[in-house]
């Protein structure tokens, strides 16, 4: 059985997206907000209008797990549903992106991602 590490990692990211979807359903957040805001992190691609370095910086900042995970933590600790909802949508977006093979960007090209370097 020849399973590539990349496939396992993509499955992990898909699991994260599914888990976020389940928590979104569990907390009964509005589905309309999920539909409207799921692609919001992709607005960061406007940085590529400046140049590849700025574009990669903006994209990677909005597609890193750090900010939404911190926001989810704040939402849980402070029982702030809006923070939890935003964080779940954001984390779901990142999980889906990475499961589809869209990773963090290198400054040399939009299509050059960290996932490409995983065997």
C-alpha atoms as a PDB file:
ATOM      1  CA  UNK A   1       0.000   0.000   0.000  1.00  0.00           C
ATOM      2  CA  UNK A   2       1.596   3.223  -1.154  1.00  0.00           C
ATOM      3  CA  UNK A   3      -0.038   6.067   0.752  1.00  0.00           C
ATOM      4  CA  UNK A   4       1.734   9.369   0.326  1.00  0.00           C
ATOM      5  CA  UNK A   5       2.219  11.589   3.329  1.00  0.00           C
ATOM      6  CA  UNK A   6       0.558  14.424   1.404  1.00  0.00           C
ATOM      7  CA  UNK A   7      -2.707  12.440   1.193  1.00  0.00           C
ATOM      8  CA  UNK A   8      -2.703  11.780   4.932  1.00  0.00           C
ATOM      9  CA  UNK A   9      -2.109  15.457   5.672  1.00  0.00           C
ATOM     10  CA  UNK A  10      -4.884  16.511   3.285  1.00  0.00           C
ATOM     11  CA  UNK A  11      -7.194  14.076   5.072  1.00  0.00           C
ATOM     12  CA  UNK A  12      -6.246  15.660   8.397  1.00  0.00           C
ATOM     13  CA  UNK A  13      -7.127  19.113   7.048  1.00  0.00           C
ATOM     14  CA  UNK A  14     -10.442  17.799   5.725  1.00  0.00           C
ATOM     15  CA  UNK A  15     -11.098  16.400   9.212  1.00  0.00           C
ATOM     16  CA  UNK A  16     -10.483  19.824  10.722  1.00  0.00           C
ATOM     17  CA  UNK A  17     -12.961  21.374   8.276  1.00  0.00           C
ATOM     18  CA  UNK A  18     -15.547  18.705   9.063  1.00  0.00           C
ATOM     19  CA  UNK A  19     -15.042  19.110  12.805  1.00  0.00           C
ATOM     20  CA  UNK A  20     -15.555  22.871  12.475  1.00  0.00           C
ATOM     21  CA  UNK A  21     -18.723  22.232  10.488  1.00  0.00           C
ATOM     22  CA  UNK A  22     -20.017  19.907  13.195  1.00  0.00           C
ATOM     23  CA  UNK A  23     -19.334  22.454  15.938  1.00  0.00           C
ATOM     24  CA  UNK A  24     -20.939  25.134  13.788  1.00  0.00           C
ATOM     25  CA  UNK A  25     -24.063  22.944  13.567  1.00  0.00           C
ATOM     26  CA  UNK A  26     -23.897  22.023  17.276  1.00  0.00           C
ATOM     27  CA  UNK A  27     -23.891  25.679  18.365  1.00  0.00           C
ATOM     28  CA  UNK A  28     -26.714  26.369  15.908  1.00  0.00           C
ATOM     29  CA  UNK A  29     -24.982  29.284  14.217  1.00  0.00           C
ATOM     30  CA  UNK A  30     -26.815  30.709  11.171  1.00  0.00           C
ATOM     31  CA  UNK A  31     -26.041  28.798   7.958  1.00  0.00           C
ATOM     32  CA  UNK A  32     -26.414  31.991   5.963  1.00  0.00           C
ATOM     33  CA  UNK A  33     -23.354  33.470   7.701  1.00  0.00           C
ATOM     34  CA  UNK A  34     -21.342  30.380   6.855  1.00  0.00           C
ATOM     35  CA  UNK A  35     -22.284  30.669   3.200  1.00  0.00           C
ATOM     36  CA  UNK A  36     -21.655  34.421   3.084  1.00  0.00           C
ATOM     37  CA  UNK A  37     -18.347  34.463   4.940  1.00  0.00           C
ATOM     38  CA  UNK A  38     -16.666  31.147   4.095  1.00  0.00           C
ATOM     39  CA  UNK A  39     -14.538  32.717   1.360  1.00  0.00           C
ATOM     40  CA  UNK A  40     -13.772  35.929   3.268  1.00  0.00           C
ATOM     41  CA  UNK A  41     -10.131  34.987   4.051  1.00  0.00           C
ATOM     42  CA  UNK A  42      -9.456  34.924   0.295  1.00  0.00           C
ATOM     43  CA  UNK A  43      -9.830  38.716   0.225  1.00  0.00           C
ATOM     44  CA  UNK A  44      -6.218  38.689   1.399  1.00  0.00           C
ATOM     45  CA  UNK A  45      -5.195  37.830  -2.169  1.00  0.00           C
ATOM     46  CA  UNK A  46      -5.504  41.515  -3.055  1.00  0.00           C
ATOM     47  CA  UNK A  47      -1.976  41.846  -1.724  1.00  0.00           C
ATOM     48  CA  UNK A  48      -0.822  40.197  -4.939  1.00  0.00           C
ATOM     49  CA  UNK A  49      -1.876  43.366  -6.746  1.00  0.00           C
ATOM     50  CA  UNK A  50       1.100  45.040  -5.041  1.00  0.00           C
ATOM     51  CA  UNK A  51       3.643  42.255  -5.537  1.00  0.00           C
ATOM     52  CA  UNK A  52       4.322  38.608  -4.722  1.00  0.00           C
ATOM     53  CA  UNK A  53       6.028  39.304  -1.412  1.00  0.00           C
ATOM     54  CA  UNK A  54       3.167  41.410  -0.039  1.00  0.00           C
ATOM     55  CA  UNK A  55       0.598  39.030  -1.502  1.00  0.00           C
ATOM     56  CA  UNK A  56       2.203  36.005   0.137  1.00  0.00           C
ATOM     57  CA  UNK A  57       2.445  37.854   3.453  1.00  0.00           C
ATOM     58  CA  UNK A  58      -1.227  38.881   3.442  1.00  0.00           C
ATOM     59  CA  UNK A  59      -2.387  35.473   2.228  1.00  0.00           C
ATOM     60  CA  UNK A  60      -0.309  33.563   4.779  1.00  0.00           C
ATOM     61  CA  UNK A  61      -1.434  35.804   7.630  1.00  0.00           C
ATOM     62  CA  UNK A  62      -5.077  35.112   6.845  1.00  0.00           C
ATOM     63  CA  UNK A  63      -4.513  31.394   6.150  1.00  0.00           C
ATOM     64  CA  UNK A  64      -2.542  30.506   9.255  1.00  0.00           C
ATOM     65  CA  UNK A  65      -4.254  28.642  12.085  1.00  0.00           C
ATOM     66  CA  UNK A  66      -2.819  31.004  14.718  1.00  0.00           C
ATOM     67  CA  UNK A  67      -5.342  33.887  14.609  1.00  0.00           C
ATOM     68  CA  UNK A  68      -8.545  31.836  14.265  1.00  0.00           C
ATOM     69  CA  UNK A  69      -7.366  29.382  16.944  1.00  0.00           C
ATOM     70  CA  UNK A  70      -6.715  32.297  19.306  1.00  0.00           C
ATOM     71  CA  UNK A  71     -10.105  33.783  18.417  1.00  0.00           C
ATOM     72  CA  UNK A  72     -11.759  30.424  19.118  1.00  0.00           C
ATOM     73  CA  UNK A  73      -9.989  30.258  22.480  1.00  0.00           C
ATOM     74  CA  UNK A  74     -11.232  33.761  23.359  1.00  0.00           C
ATOM     75  CA  UNK A  75     -14.736  32.791  22.247  1.00  0.00           C
ATOM     76  CA  UNK A  76     -14.752  29.685  24.419  1.00  0.00           C
ATOM     77  CA  UNK A  77     -13.227  31.324  27.509  1.00  0.00           C
ATOM     78  CA  UNK A  78     -15.437  34.411  27.304  1.00  0.00           C
ATOM     79  CA  UNK A  79     -18.456  32.467  26.015  1.00  0.00           C
ATOM     80  CA  UNK A  80     -18.616  34.902  23.122  1.00  0.00           C
ATOM     81  CA  UNK A  81     -20.606  33.213  20.356  1.00  0.00           C
ATOM     82  CA  UNK A  82     -19.679  35.726  17.658  1.00  0.00           C
ATOM     83  CA  UNK A  83     -15.967  35.027  18.189  1.00  0.00           C
ATOM     84  CA  UNK A  84     -16.588  31.284  18.111  1.00  0.00           C
ATOM     85  CA  UNK A  85     -18.666  31.531  14.938  1.00  0.00           C
ATOM     86  CA  UNK A  86     -16.063  33.643  13.119  1.00  0.00           C
ATOM     87  CA  UNK A  87     -13.258  31.346  14.255  1.00  0.00           C
ATOM     88  CA  UNK A  88     -15.097  28.203  13.135  1.00  0.00           C
ATOM     89  CA  UNK A  89     -15.806  29.674   9.699  1.00  0.00           C
ATOM     90  CA  UNK A  90     -12.204  30.824   9.390  1.00  0.00           C
ATOM     91  CA  UNK A  91     -10.769  27.477  10.521  1.00  0.00           C
ATOM     92  CA  UNK A  92     -13.153  25.652   8.199  1.00  0.00           C
ATOM     93  CA  UNK A  93     -11.956  27.765   5.283  1.00  0.00           C
ATOM     94  CA  UNK A  94      -8.321  26.976   6.042  1.00  0.00           C
ATOM     95  CA  UNK A  95      -9.083  23.267   6.448  1.00  0.00           C
ATOM     96  CA  UNK A  96     -10.904  23.096   3.119  1.00  0.00           C
ATOM     97  CA  UNK A  97      -8.179  25.072   1.347  1.00  0.00           C
ATOM     98  CA  UNK A  98      -5.433  22.820   2.635  1.00  0.00           C
ATOM     99  CA  UNK A  99      -7.440  19.656   1.959  1.00  0.00           C
ATOM    100  CA  UNK A 100      -7.722  20.823  -1.661  1.00  0.00           C
ATOM    101  CA  UNK A 101      -3.968  21.388  -1.799  1.00  0.00           C
ATOM    102  CA  UNK A 102      -3.862  25.160  -1.366  1.00  0.00           C
ATOM    103  CA  UNK A 103      -1.164  25.791   1.176  1.00  0.00           C
ATOM    104  CA  UNK A 104       0.772  28.711   2.539  1.00  0.00           C
ATOM    105  CA  UNK A 105       2.365  30.690  -0.278  1.00  0.00           C
ATOM    106  CA  UNK A 106       5.976  31.395  -1.093  1.00  0.00           C
ATOM    107  CA  UNK A 107       6.755  34.867  -2.390  1.00  0.00           C
ATOM    108  CA  UNK A 108       8.102  33.681  -5.747  1.00  0.00           C
ATOM    109  CA  UNK A 109       4.768  32.471  -7.180  1.00  0.00           C
ATOM    110  CA  UNK A 110       1.134  32.265  -6.113  1.00  0.00           C
ATOM    111  CA  UNK A 111       1.014  28.579  -7.040  1.00  0.00           C
ATOM    112  CA  UNK A 112       4.160  27.686  -5.053  1.00  0.00           C
ATOM    113  CA  UNK A 113       2.883  26.364  -1.705  1.00  0.00           C
ATOM    114  CA  UNK A 114       4.210  24.497   1.287  1.00  0.00           C
ATOM    115  CA  UNK A 115       2.017  21.476   0.534  1.00  0.00           C
ATOM    116  CA  UNK A 116       3.914  20.865  -2.699  1.00  0.00           C
ATOM    117  CA  UNK A 117       7.012  20.063  -0.650  1.00  0.00           C
ATOM    118  CA  UNK A 118       5.346  17.273   1.302  1.00  0.00           C
ATOM    119  CA  UNK A 119       6.193  13.873  -0.219  1.00  0.00           C
END
